[in-house]
Amino acid sequence: MQVQNLQIYDNSTAVSGNGPWIDVSNLVSLSVQINNFAAGTGTGGADIEVSNDPNVMIDGAGIGAPGSAPTLSQFASIPGSLGADSMLPAQTFSVKTTYVTKWGETTASAAASLAVTAGNYLLVAPAAPSASQAPYVTGYNVYVSLTGGAGTWVLQTGPQYQPQRLVDGIGTVGGTVNPLGPGQSTHFAISGALPLQQFFSMVNGFQQTQWVPPASDQSGGANSGVSVTQSTGFAASTDTTVAVWISSSNVMWTPSCMTWKFLRVAKGAATVVAYLEGQRG
């Protein structure tokens, strides 16, 4: 079997005091050695954290708002018509978007504004997430303000709309229109966030809803690991599933069974260094 010997923690390179998550699922046995462990005691110690959460790599942090303001345009409800046939007045809309993940919603993007001609509809293009955001984004929300002022942004892709899969081409509630041409349709009237592949059309005009953009980024899960050091540092081998050897300043931790996918060392003091040793299966 191939022996794994890897330095997994050094406070001088740790991000916010935490080492990177290491995938240990392919190790049939392992141990973690923490040098100068005692330097961290009294301030939380150097924790060894384990997790089976497949999304633990984002470490509970939000993915961040869309990186740019949304792209806005307008269209008549019947593509190619010479005159607009809706009763909507001319209005200037300011628009922000947010990303949605399975855990929650990001804060809002920068704003974009567009003066929409009377009788035309506002069209919002889906925002493209960055490479680091893309694995977690499941959809996006649209917030609109008529004044652009603080506290005036309200959700337009809200649960007050119920999806009705009516493909009628003329813009009735729940319908599908194709302002971008054949094969480029957009669905409006939807309950909740829009998929990233779909445009948002404000065919019902501005809706004064009760939902405002999140004040903080809620798009990350609670994905920190479980500390096997009880967040106070090892004192004795009291857990029957954990074997611990302690000197005056160093710790060797060898679990009696391997049931975790990810492992990291966190919150060590300035001089703490940690190593992972194990055998690949």
C-alpha atoms as a PDB file:
ATOM      1  CA  MET A   1       0.000   0.000   0.000  1.00  0.00           C
ATOM      2  CA  GLN A   2       1.122   3.536  -0.746  1.00  0.00           C
ATOM      3  CA  VAL A   3       1.936   5.604   2.345  1.00  0.00           C
ATOM      4  CA  GLN A   4       0.533   9.141   2.515  1.00  0.00           C
ATOM      5  CA  ASN A   5       2.609  11.719   4.426  1.00  0.00           C
ATOM      6  CA  LEU A   6       1.354  15.273   4.024  1.00  0.00           C
ATOM      7  CA  GLN A   7       1.644  18.558   5.896  1.00  0.00           C
ATOM      8  CA  ILE A   8      -1.968  19.736   6.193  1.00  0.00           C
ATOM      9  CA  TYR A   9      -1.671  22.761   8.458  1.00  0.00           C
ATOM     10  CA  ASP A  10       0.632  25.691   9.047  1.00  0.00           C
ATOM     11  CA  ASN A  11      -0.859  28.781  10.660  1.00  0.00           C
ATOM     12  CA  SER A  12       1.274  31.055   8.487  1.00  0.00           C
ATOM     13  CA  THR A  13      -0.573  29.826   5.373  1.00  0.00           C
ATOM     14  CA  ALA A  14      -3.975  28.935   6.867  1.00  0.00           C
ATOM     15  CA  VAL A  15      -7.008  30.929   5.717  1.00  0.00           C
ATOM     16  CA  SER A  16      -8.786  32.569   8.668  1.00  0.00           C
ATOM     17  CA  GLY A  17      -6.897  30.185  10.940  1.00  0.00           C
ATOM     18  CA  ASN A  18      -8.291  27.081   9.204  1.00  0.00           C
ATOM     19  CA  GLY A  19      -6.371  24.554   7.153  1.00  0.00           C
ATOM     20  CA  PRO A  20      -7.783  23.168   3.885  1.00  0.00           C
ATOM     21  CA  TRP A  21     -10.168  20.253   3.818  1.00  0.00           C
ATOM     22  CA  ILE A  22      -8.429  17.002   2.848  1.00  0.00           C
ATOM     23  CA  ASP A  23     -10.265  14.083   1.222  1.00  0.00           C
ATOM     24  CA  VAL A  24      -9.316  11.076   3.353  1.00  0.00           C
ATOM     25  CA  SER A  25     -11.919   8.662   2.006  1.00  0.00           C
ATOM     26  CA  ASN A  26      -9.254   6.671   0.127  1.00  0.00           C
ATOM     27  CA  LEU A  27      -7.138   6.046   3.229  1.00  0.00           C
ATOM     28  CA  VAL A  28      -7.599   2.710   4.991  1.00  0.00           C
ATOM     29  CA  SER A  29      -5.830   4.015   8.101  1.00  0.00           C
ATOM     30  CA  LEU A  30      -4.666   7.431   9.189  1.00  0.00           C
ATOM     31  CA  SER A  31      -3.175   9.498  11.968  1.00  0.00           C
ATOM     32  CA  VAL A  32      -2.790  13.231  12.516  1.00  0.00           C
ATOM     33  CA  GLN A  33       0.204  14.680  14.315  1.00  0.00           C
ATOM     34  CA  ILE A  34      -0.033  18.245  15.641  1.00  0.00           C
ATOM     35  CA  ASN A  35       3.248  19.816  16.687  1.00  0.00           C
ATOM     36  CA  ASN A  36       3.265  22.547  19.332  1.00  0.00           C
ATOM     37  CA  PHE A  37      -0.365  21.825  20.082  1.00  0.00           C
ATOM     38  CA  ALA A  38      -0.113  23.322  23.570  1.00  0.00           C
ATOM     39  CA  ALA A  39       0.520  26.763  22.083  1.00  0.00           C
ATOM     40  CA  GLY A  40      -3.110  26.865  21.041  1.00  0.00           C
ATOM     41  CA  THR A  41      -4.702  25.812  24.313  1.00  0.00           C
ATOM     42  CA  GLY A  42      -6.600  28.442  26.218  1.00  0.00           C
ATOM     43  CA  THR A  43      -7.774  30.027  22.969  1.00  0.00           C
ATOM     44  CA  GLY A  44      -9.691  27.069  21.599  1.00  0.00           C
ATOM     45  CA  GLY A  45      -6.737  24.846  20.850  1.00  0.00           C
ATOM     46  CA  ALA A  46      -5.937  23.416  17.443  1.00  0.00           C
ATOM     47  CA  ASP A  47      -9.071  21.548  16.425  1.00  0.00           C
ATOM     48  CA  ILE A  48      -9.190  18.444  14.270  1.00  0.00           C
ATOM     49  CA  GLU A  49     -12.464  18.581  12.351  1.00  0.00           C
ATOM     50  CA  VAL A  50     -14.097  15.798  10.345  1.00  0.00           C
ATOM     51  CA  SER A  51     -17.079  15.823   7.981  1.00  0.00           C
ATOM     52  CA  ASN A  52     -19.021  13.699   5.523  1.00  0.00           C
ATOM     53  CA  ASP A  53     -20.730  16.682   3.904  1.00  0.00           C
ATOM     54  CA  PRO A  54     -19.948  16.530   0.149  1.00  0.00           C
ATOM     55  CA  ASN A  55     -20.166  20.332   0.028  1.00  0.00           C
ATOM     56  CA  VAL A  56     -17.874  20.969   2.957  1.00  0.00           C
ATOM     57  CA  MET A  57     -15.285  22.550   0.664  1.00  0.00           C
ATOM     58  CA  ILE A  58     -17.256  25.804   0.636  1.00  0.00           C
ATOM     59  CA  ASP A  59     -16.872  25.761   4.419  1.00  0.00           C
ATOM     60  CA  GLY A  60     -20.241  27.325   5.117  1.00  0.00           C
ATOM     61  CA  ALA A  61     -19.356  30.576   3.375  1.00  0.00           C
ATOM     62  CA  GLY A  62     -21.679  32.245   0.922  1.00  0.00           C
ATOM     63  CA  ILE A  63     -20.742  32.091  -2.766  1.00  0.00           C
ATOM     64  CA  GLY A  64     -21.040  35.840  -3.300  1.00  0.00           C
ATOM     65  CA  ALA A  65     -23.407  38.028  -5.300  1.00  0.00           C
ATOM     66  CA  PRO A  66     -23.572  38.064  -9.118  1.00  0.00           C
ATOM     67  CA  GLY A  67     -20.426  39.749 -10.334  1.00  0.00           C
ATOM     68  CA  SER A  68     -22.099  42.291 -12.609  1.00  0.00           C
ATOM     69  CA  ALA A  69     -25.323  44.219 -13.003  1.00  0.00           C
ATOM     70  CA  PRO A  70     -28.029  42.419 -15.004  1.00  0.00           C
ATOM     71  CA  THR A  71     -28.432  42.955 -18.738  1.00  0.00           C
ATOM     72  CA  LEU A  72     -31.779  44.601 -19.532  1.00  0.00           C
ATOM     73  CA  SER A  73     -33.797  45.018 -22.725  1.00  0.00           C
ATOM     74  CA  GLN A  74     -37.435  45.423 -23.774  1.00  0.00           C
ATOM     75  CA  PHE A  75     -39.799  43.871 -26.300  1.00  0.00           C
ATOM     76  CA  ALA A  76     -43.367  44.021 -27.578  1.00  0.00           C
ATOM     77  CA  SER A  77     -45.588  41.140 -26.532  1.00  0.00           C
ATOM     78  CA  ILE A  78     -46.006  40.078 -30.152  1.00  0.00           C
ATOM     79  CA  PRO A  79     -42.493  39.871 -31.641  1.00  0.00           C
ATOM     80  CA  GLY A  80     -42.206  41.864 -34.830  1.00  0.00           C
ATOM     81  CA  SER A  81     -45.405  43.854 -34.279  1.00  0.00           C
ATOM     82  CA  LEU A  82     -45.387  47.481 -35.384  1.00  0.00           C
ATOM     83  CA  GLY A  83     -47.220  48.717 -32.306  1.00  0.00           C
ATOM     84  CA  ALA A  84     -47.180  47.652 -28.683  1.00  0.00           C
ATOM     85  CA  ASP A  85     -50.401  45.982 -27.640  1.00  0.00           C
ATOM     86  CA  SER A  86     -50.174  45.885 -23.823  1.00  0.00           C
ATOM     87  CA  MET A  87     -51.604  48.512 -21.494  1.00  0.00           C
ATOM     88  CA  LEU A  88     -48.413  48.980 -19.469  1.00  0.00           C
ATOM     89  CA  PRO A  89     -47.255  52.585 -19.066  1.00  0.00           C
ATOM     90  CA  ALA A  90     -43.792  53.894 -19.843  1.00  0.00           C
ATOM     91  CA  GLN A  91     -41.631  53.304 -16.782  1.00  0.00           C
ATOM     92  CA  THR A  92     -37.986  53.260 -15.784  1.00  0.00           C
ATOM     93  CA  PHE A  93     -37.030  50.097 -13.927  1.00  0.00           C
ATOM     94  CA  SER A  94     -33.947  49.544 -11.799  1.00  0.00           C
ATOM     95  CA  VAL A  95     -33.035  45.866 -11.483  1.00  0.00           C
ATOM     96  CA  LYS A  96     -30.808  43.746  -9.256  1.00  0.00           C
ATOM     97  CA  THR A  97     -30.393  39.973  -9.248  1.00  0.00           C
ATOM     98  CA  THR A  98     -29.333  37.403  -6.661  1.00  0.00           C
ATOM     99  CA  TYR A  99     -28.166  33.804  -6.953  1.00  0.00           C
ATOM    100  CA  VAL A 100     -29.983  30.969  -5.224  1.00  0.00           C
ATOM    101  CA  THR A 101     -28.377  27.770  -3.914  1.00  0.00           C
ATOM    102  CA  LYS A 102     -29.884  24.826  -2.087  1.00  0.00           C
ATOM    103  CA  TRP A 103     -28.972  26.552   1.178  1.00  0.00           C
ATOM    104  CA  GLY A 104     -30.273  30.031   0.482  1.00  0.00           C
ATOM    105  CA  GLU A 105     -29.765  33.265  -1.395  1.00  0.00           C
ATOM    106  CA  THR A 106     -26.863  35.636  -1.997  1.00  0.00           C
ATOM    107  CA  THR A 107     -26.885  39.376  -1.584  1.00  0.00           C
ATOM    108  CA  ALA A 108     -27.877  41.421  -4.611  1.00  0.00           C
ATOM    109  CA  SER A 109     -25.800  42.411  -7.620  1.00  0.00           C
ATOM    110  CA  ALA A 110     -25.086  45.944  -8.741  1.00  0.00           C
ATOM    111  CA  ALA A 111     -28.091  47.686 -10.286  1.00  0.00           C
ATOM    112  CA  ALA A 112     -28.969  48.306 -13.912  1.00  0.00           C
ATOM    113  CA  SER A 113     -31.712  50.642 -15.142  1.00  0.00           C
ATOM    114  CA  LEU A 114     -33.775  50.846 -18.320  1.00  0.00           C
ATOM    115  CA  ALA A 115     -36.524  53.191 -19.502  1.00  0.00           C
ATOM    116  CA  VAL A 116     -39.167  50.879 -20.987  1.00  0.00           C
ATOM    117  CA  THR A 117     -41.466  52.295 -23.683  1.00  0.00           C
ATOM    118  CA  ALA A 118     -45.214  52.333 -23.011  1.00  0.00           C
ATOM    119  CA  GLY A 119     -46.726  49.007 -24.018  1.00  0.00           C
ATOM    120  CA  ASN A 120     -43.413  47.137 -23.976  1.00  0.00           C
ATOM    121  CA  TYR A 121     -42.171  44.565 -21.498  1.00  0.00           C
ATOM    122  CA  LEU A 122     -38.962  44.514 -19.458  1.00  0.00           C
ATOM    123  CA  LEU A 123     -36.655  41.566 -20.200  1.00  0.00           C
ATOM    124  CA  VAL A 124     -33.888  40.517 -17.783  1.00  0.00           C
ATOM    125  CA  ALA A 125     -31.141  38.195 -19.007  1.00  0.00           C
ATOM    126  CA  PRO A 126     -29.952  35.420 -16.675  1.00  0.00           C
ATOM    127  CA  ALA A 127     -26.678  36.227 -14.948  1.00  0.00           C
ATOM    128  CA  ALA A 128     -23.730  33.938 -15.658  1.00  0.00           C
ATOM    129  CA  PRO A 129     -22.050  32.746 -12.425  1.00  0.00           C
ATOM    130  CA  SER A 130     -18.290  32.604 -12.112  1.00  0.00           C
ATOM    131  CA  ALA A 131     -16.442  29.291 -12.265  1.00  0.00           C
ATOM    132  CA  SER A 132     -16.297  29.119  -8.450  1.00  0.00           C
ATOM    133  CA  GLN A 133     -20.020  29.935  -8.086  1.00  0.00           C
ATOM    134  CA  ALA A 134     -21.375  27.724 -10.870  1.00  0.00           C
ATOM    135  CA  PRO A 135     -21.291  24.360  -9.019  1.00  0.00           C
ATOM    136  CA  TYR A 136     -23.643  25.720  -6.354  1.00  0.00           C
ATOM    137  CA  VAL A 137     -26.048  28.031  -8.202  1.00  0.00           C
ATOM    138  CA  THR A 138     -29.493  26.522  -8.857  1.00  0.00           C
ATOM    139  CA  GLY A 139     -31.262  29.674 -10.040  1.00  0.00           C
ATOM    140  CA  TYR A 140     -31.620  33.422  -9.700  1.00  0.00           C
ATOM    141  CA  ASN A 141     -34.089  35.976  -8.372  1.00  0.00           C
ATOM    142  CA  VAL A 142     -35.001  39.371  -9.784  1.00  0.00           C
ATOM    143  CA  TYR A 143     -35.558  42.477  -7.643  1.00  0.00           C
ATOM    144  CA  VAL A 144     -36.942  45.693  -9.123  1.00  0.00           C
ATOM    145  CA  SER A 145     -37.277  49.269  -7.906  1.00  0.00           C
ATOM    146  CA  LEU A 146     -39.181  52.132  -9.531  1.00  0.00           C
ATOM    147  CA  THR A 147     -36.973  54.742  -7.902  1.00  0.00           C
ATOM    148  CA  GLY A 148     -33.627  53.015  -7.357  1.00  0.00           C
ATOM    149  CA  GLY A 149     -33.606  54.221  -3.779  1.00  0.00           C
ATOM    150  CA  ALA A 150     -32.517  52.246  -0.734  1.00  0.00           C
ATOM    151  CA  GLY A 151     -35.247  50.008   0.655  1.00  0.00           C
ATOM    152  CA  THR A 152     -37.352  50.123  -2.507  1.00  0.00           C
ATOM    153  CA  TRP A 153     -36.177  46.882  -4.127  1.00  0.00           C
ATOM    154  CA  VAL A 154     -38.765  44.086  -4.057  1.00  0.00           C
ATOM    155  CA  LEU A 155     -38.823  40.537  -5.409  1.00  0.00           C
ATOM    156  CA  GLN A 156     -40.503  39.926  -8.769  1.00  0.00           C
ATOM    157  CA  THR A 157     -39.798  36.191  -9.097  1.00  0.00           C
ATOM    158  CA  GLY A 158     -41.748  35.493  -5.968  1.00  0.00           C
ATOM    159  CA  PRO A 159     -44.022  32.730  -4.708  1.00  0.00           C
ATOM    160  CA  GLN A 160     -47.098  34.816  -5.481  1.00  0.00           C
ATOM    161  CA  TYR A 161     -46.750  33.440  -9.030  1.00  0.00           C
ATOM    162  CA  GLN A 162     -47.768  29.857  -9.670  1.00  0.00           C
ATOM    163  CA  PRO A 163     -46.315  28.087 -12.736  1.00  0.00           C
ATOM    164  CA  GLN A 164     -48.827  27.384 -15.471  1.00  0.00           C
ATOM    165  CA  ARG A 165     -47.227  25.702 -18.415  1.00  0.00           C
ATOM    166  CA  LEU A 166     -49.292  27.423 -21.105  1.00  0.00           C
ATOM    167  CA  VAL A 167     -47.375  27.839 -24.331  1.00  0.00           C
ATOM    168  CA  ASP A 168     -49.486  30.470 -26.054  1.00  0.00           C
ATOM    169  CA  GLY A 169     -46.871  32.830 -27.485  1.00  0.00           C
ATOM    170  CA  ILE A 170     -48.773  36.033 -26.721  1.00  0.00           C
ATOM    171  CA  GLY A 171     -47.816  36.788 -23.146  1.00  0.00           C
ATOM    172  CA  THR A 172     -50.785  35.746 -21.018  1.00  0.00           C
ATOM    173  CA  VAL A 173     -50.090  34.877 -17.391  1.00  0.00           C
ATOM    174  CA  GLY A 174     -48.183  31.631 -17.188  1.00  0.00           C
ATOM    175  CA  GLY A 175     -47.411  31.654 -20.879  1.00  0.00           C
ATOM    176  CA  THR A 176     -44.208  31.550 -22.866  1.00  0.00           C
ATOM    177  CA  VAL A 177     -43.112  34.291 -25.240  1.00  0.00           C
ATOM    178  CA  ASN A 178     -40.200  34.328 -27.678  1.00  0.00           C
ATOM    179  CA  PRO A 179     -38.876  37.894 -27.960  1.00  0.00           C
ATOM    180  CA  LEU A 180     -35.474  36.524 -28.939  1.00  0.00           C
ATOM    181  CA  GLY A 181     -36.768  34.585 -31.912  1.00  0.00           C
ATOM    182  CA  PRO A 182     -37.783  30.951 -32.565  1.00  0.00           C
ATOM    183  CA  GLY A 183     -36.362  28.516 -30.057  1.00  0.00           C
ATOM    184  CA  GLN A 184     -35.322  31.303 -27.666  1.00  0.00           C
ATOM    185  CA  SER A 185     -38.391  31.477 -25.425  1.00  0.00           C
ATOM    186  CA  THR A 186     -38.636  32.802 -21.901  1.00  0.00           C
ATOM    187  CA  HIS A 187     -41.054  31.721 -19.211  1.00  0.00           C
ATOM    188  CA  PHE A 188     -42.441  34.274 -16.768  1.00  0.00           C
ATOM    189  CA  ALA A 189     -45.111  33.737 -14.053  1.00  0.00           C
ATOM    190  CA  ILE A 190     -43.095  31.228 -12.044  1.00  0.00           C
ATOM    191  CA  SER A 191     -43.139  30.286  -8.385  1.00  0.00           C
ATOM    192  CA  GLY A 192     -39.755  31.094  -6.943  1.00  0.00           C
ATOM    193  CA  ALA A 193     -36.321  31.504  -8.477  1.00  0.00           C
ATOM    194  CA  LEU A 194     -35.777  31.185 -12.211  1.00  0.00           C
ATOM    195  CA  PRO A 195     -33.426  28.600 -13.720  1.00  0.00           C
ATOM    196  CA  LEU A 196     -30.257  30.170 -15.098  1.00  0.00           C
ATOM    197  CA  GLN A 197     -31.239  29.197 -18.640  1.00  0.00           C
ATOM    198  CA  GLN A 198     -34.426  31.294 -18.608  1.00  0.00           C
ATOM    199  CA  PHE A 199     -34.938  35.027 -19.083  1.00  0.00           C
ATOM    200  CA  PHE A 200     -37.323  36.988 -16.873  1.00  0.00           C
ATOM    201  CA  SER A 201     -40.157  38.934 -18.546  1.00  0.00           C
ATOM    202  CA  MET A 202     -42.146  41.469 -16.542  1.00  0.00           C
ATOM    203  CA  VAL A 203     -45.342  40.955 -18.547  1.00  0.00           C
ATOM    204  CA  ASN A 204     -47.596  41.722 -15.594  1.00  0.00           C
ATOM    205  CA  GLY A 205     -45.889  44.982 -14.751  1.00  0.00           C
ATOM    206  CA  PHE A 206     -44.148  45.868 -11.506  1.00  0.00           C
ATOM    207  CA  GLN A 207     -45.362  43.887  -8.475  1.00  0.00           C
ATOM    208  CA  GLN A 208     -45.121  45.532  -5.036  1.00  0.00           C
ATOM    209  CA  THR A 209     -44.250  42.414  -3.068  1.00  0.00           C
ATOM    210  CA  GLN A 210     -43.129  42.093   0.535  1.00  0.00           C
ATOM    211  CA  TRP A 211     -39.768  40.448  -0.150  1.00  0.00           C
ATOM    212  CA  VAL A 212     -36.572  42.507  -0.219  1.00  0.00           C
ATOM    213  CA  PRO A 213     -32.994  41.406  -1.071  1.00  0.00           C
ATOM    214  CA  PRO A 214     -31.171  39.511   1.713  1.00  0.00           C
ATOM    215  CA  ALA A 215     -29.116  41.699   4.016  1.00  0.00           C
ATOM    216  CA  SER A 216     -26.414  39.018   4.256  1.00  0.00           C
ATOM    217  CA  ASP A 217     -25.234  36.168   2.060  1.00  0.00           C
ATOM    218  CA  GLN A 218     -27.224  33.051   2.982  1.00  0.00           C
ATOM    219  CA  SER A 219     -26.071  30.923   0.048  1.00  0.00           C
ATOM    220  CA  GLY A 220     -23.600  28.758   1.977  1.00  0.00           C
ATOM    221  CA  GLY A 221     -24.515  25.797   4.154  1.00  0.00           C
ATOM    222  CA  ALA A 222     -23.458  25.137   7.715  1.00  0.00           C
ATOM    223  CA  ASN A 223     -20.582  23.048   6.462  1.00  0.00           C
ATOM    224  CA  SER A 224     -17.942  23.375   9.140  1.00  0.00           C
ATOM    225  CA  GLY A 225     -16.820  20.029  10.447  1.00  0.00           C
ATOM    226  CA  VAL A 226     -17.378  18.388  13.801  1.00  0.00           C
ATOM    227  CA  SER A 227     -14.444  18.894  16.115  1.00  0.00           C
ATOM    228  CA  VAL A 228     -13.081  15.697  17.652  1.00  0.00           C
ATOM    229  CA  THR A 229     -11.148  17.836  20.141  1.00  0.00           C
ATOM    230  CA  GLN A 230     -14.335  19.263  21.712  1.00  0.00           C
ATOM    231  CA  SER A 231     -13.033  22.744  20.731  1.00  0.00           C
ATOM    232  CA  THR A 232     -10.888  22.904  23.886  1.00  0.00           C
ATOM    233  CA  GLY A 233      -8.015  20.659  22.902  1.00  0.00           C
ATOM    234  CA  PHE A 234      -7.177  17.083  23.863  1.00  0.00           C
ATOM    235  CA  ALA A 235      -6.764  16.484  27.573  1.00  0.00           C
ATOM    236  CA  ALA A 236      -6.988  12.708  27.799  1.00  0.00           C
ATOM    237  CA  SER A 237      -8.048   9.698  25.795  1.00  0.00           C
ATOM    238  CA  THR A 238     -11.615   9.654  27.053  1.00  0.00           C
ATOM    239  CA  ASP A 239     -13.411   8.888  23.775  1.00  0.00           C
ATOM    240  CA  THR A 240     -13.318   5.176  23.027  1.00  0.00           C
ATOM    241  CA  THR A 241     -13.388   5.842  19.269  1.00  0.00           C
ATOM    242  CA  VAL A 242     -10.325   8.075  19.444  1.00  0.00           C
ATOM    243  CA  ALA A 243      -6.808   7.137  20.500  1.00  0.00           C
ATOM    244  CA  VAL A 244      -4.652  10.064  21.611  1.00  0.00           C
ATOM    245  CA  TRP A 245      -1.015  10.352  22.630  1.00  0.00           C
ATOM    246  CA  ILE A 246      -0.053  13.596  24.323  1.00  0.00           C
ATOM    247  CA  SER A 247       3.325  15.009  25.230  1.00  0.00           C
ATOM    248  CA  SER A 248       3.917  18.406  26.773  1.00  0.00           C
ATOM    249  CA  SER A 249       3.193  20.215  23.522  1.00  0.00           C
ATOM    250  CA  ASN A 250       2.425  17.673  20.797  1.00  0.00           C
ATOM    251  CA  VAL A 251      -0.507  15.398  19.971  1.00  0.00           C
ATOM    252  CA  MET A 252      -0.826  12.231  17.886  1.00  0.00           C
ATOM    253  CA  TRP A 253      -4.439  11.367  17.019  1.00  0.00           C
ATOM    254  CA  THR A 254      -5.273   7.957  15.552  1.00  0.00           C
ATOM    255  CA  PRO A 255      -8.960   7.092  15.216  1.00  0.00           C
ATOM    256  CA  SER A 256      -9.796   3.442  15.751  1.00  0.00           C
ATOM    257  CA  CYS A 257     -12.147   3.491  12.786  1.00  0.00           C
ATOM    258  CA  MET A 258     -12.302   5.556   9.587  1.00  0.00           C
ATOM    259  CA  THR A 259     -15.801   6.816   8.856  1.00  0.00           C
ATOM    260  CA  TRP A 260     -15.160  10.318   7.479  1.00  0.00           C
ATOM    261  CA  LYS A 261     -14.649  11.663   4.005  1.00  0.00           C
ATOM    262  CA  PHE A 262     -13.004  14.990   4.855  1.00  0.00           C
ATOM    263  CA  LEU A 263     -10.606  16.157   7.550  1.00  0.00           C
ATOM    264  CA  ARG A 264      -8.861  19.401   8.436  1.00  0.00           C
ATOM    265  CA  VAL A 265      -6.960  21.093  11.268  1.00  0.00           C
ATOM    266  CA  ALA A 266      -8.364  24.445  12.340  1.00  0.00           C
ATOM    267  CA  LYS A 267      -7.760  27.367  14.680  1.00  0.00           C
ATOM    268  CA  GLY A 268      -4.179  26.597  15.600  1.00  0.00           C
ATOM    269  CA  ALA A 269      -1.876  29.201  17.145  1.00  0.00           C
ATOM    270  CA  ALA A 270       0.996  30.847  15.271  1.00  0.00           C
ATOM    271  CA  THR A 271       3.509  28.023  15.742  1.00  0.00           C
ATOM    272  CA  VAL A 272       1.190  25.036  15.204  1.00  0.00           C
ATOM    273  CA  VAL A 273       2.013  22.650  12.352  1.00  0.00           C
ATOM    274  CA  ALA A 274       0.082  19.451  11.540  1.00  0.00           C
ATOM    275  CA  TYR A 275       0.760  16.375   9.429  1.00  0.00           C
ATOM    276  CA  LEU A 276      -1.457  13.639   8.027  1.00  0.00           C
ATOM    277  CA  GLU A 277      -0.140  10.087   7.695  1.00  0.00           C
ATOM    278  CA  GLY A 278      -2.020   7.147   6.268  1.00  0.00           C
ATOM    279  CA  GLN A 279      -2.166   4.302   3.785  1.00  0.00           C
ATOM    280  CA  ARG A 280      -4.074   4.362   0.528  1.00  0.00           C
ATOM    281  CA  GLY A 281      -6.419   1.479  -0.069  1.00  0.00           C
END
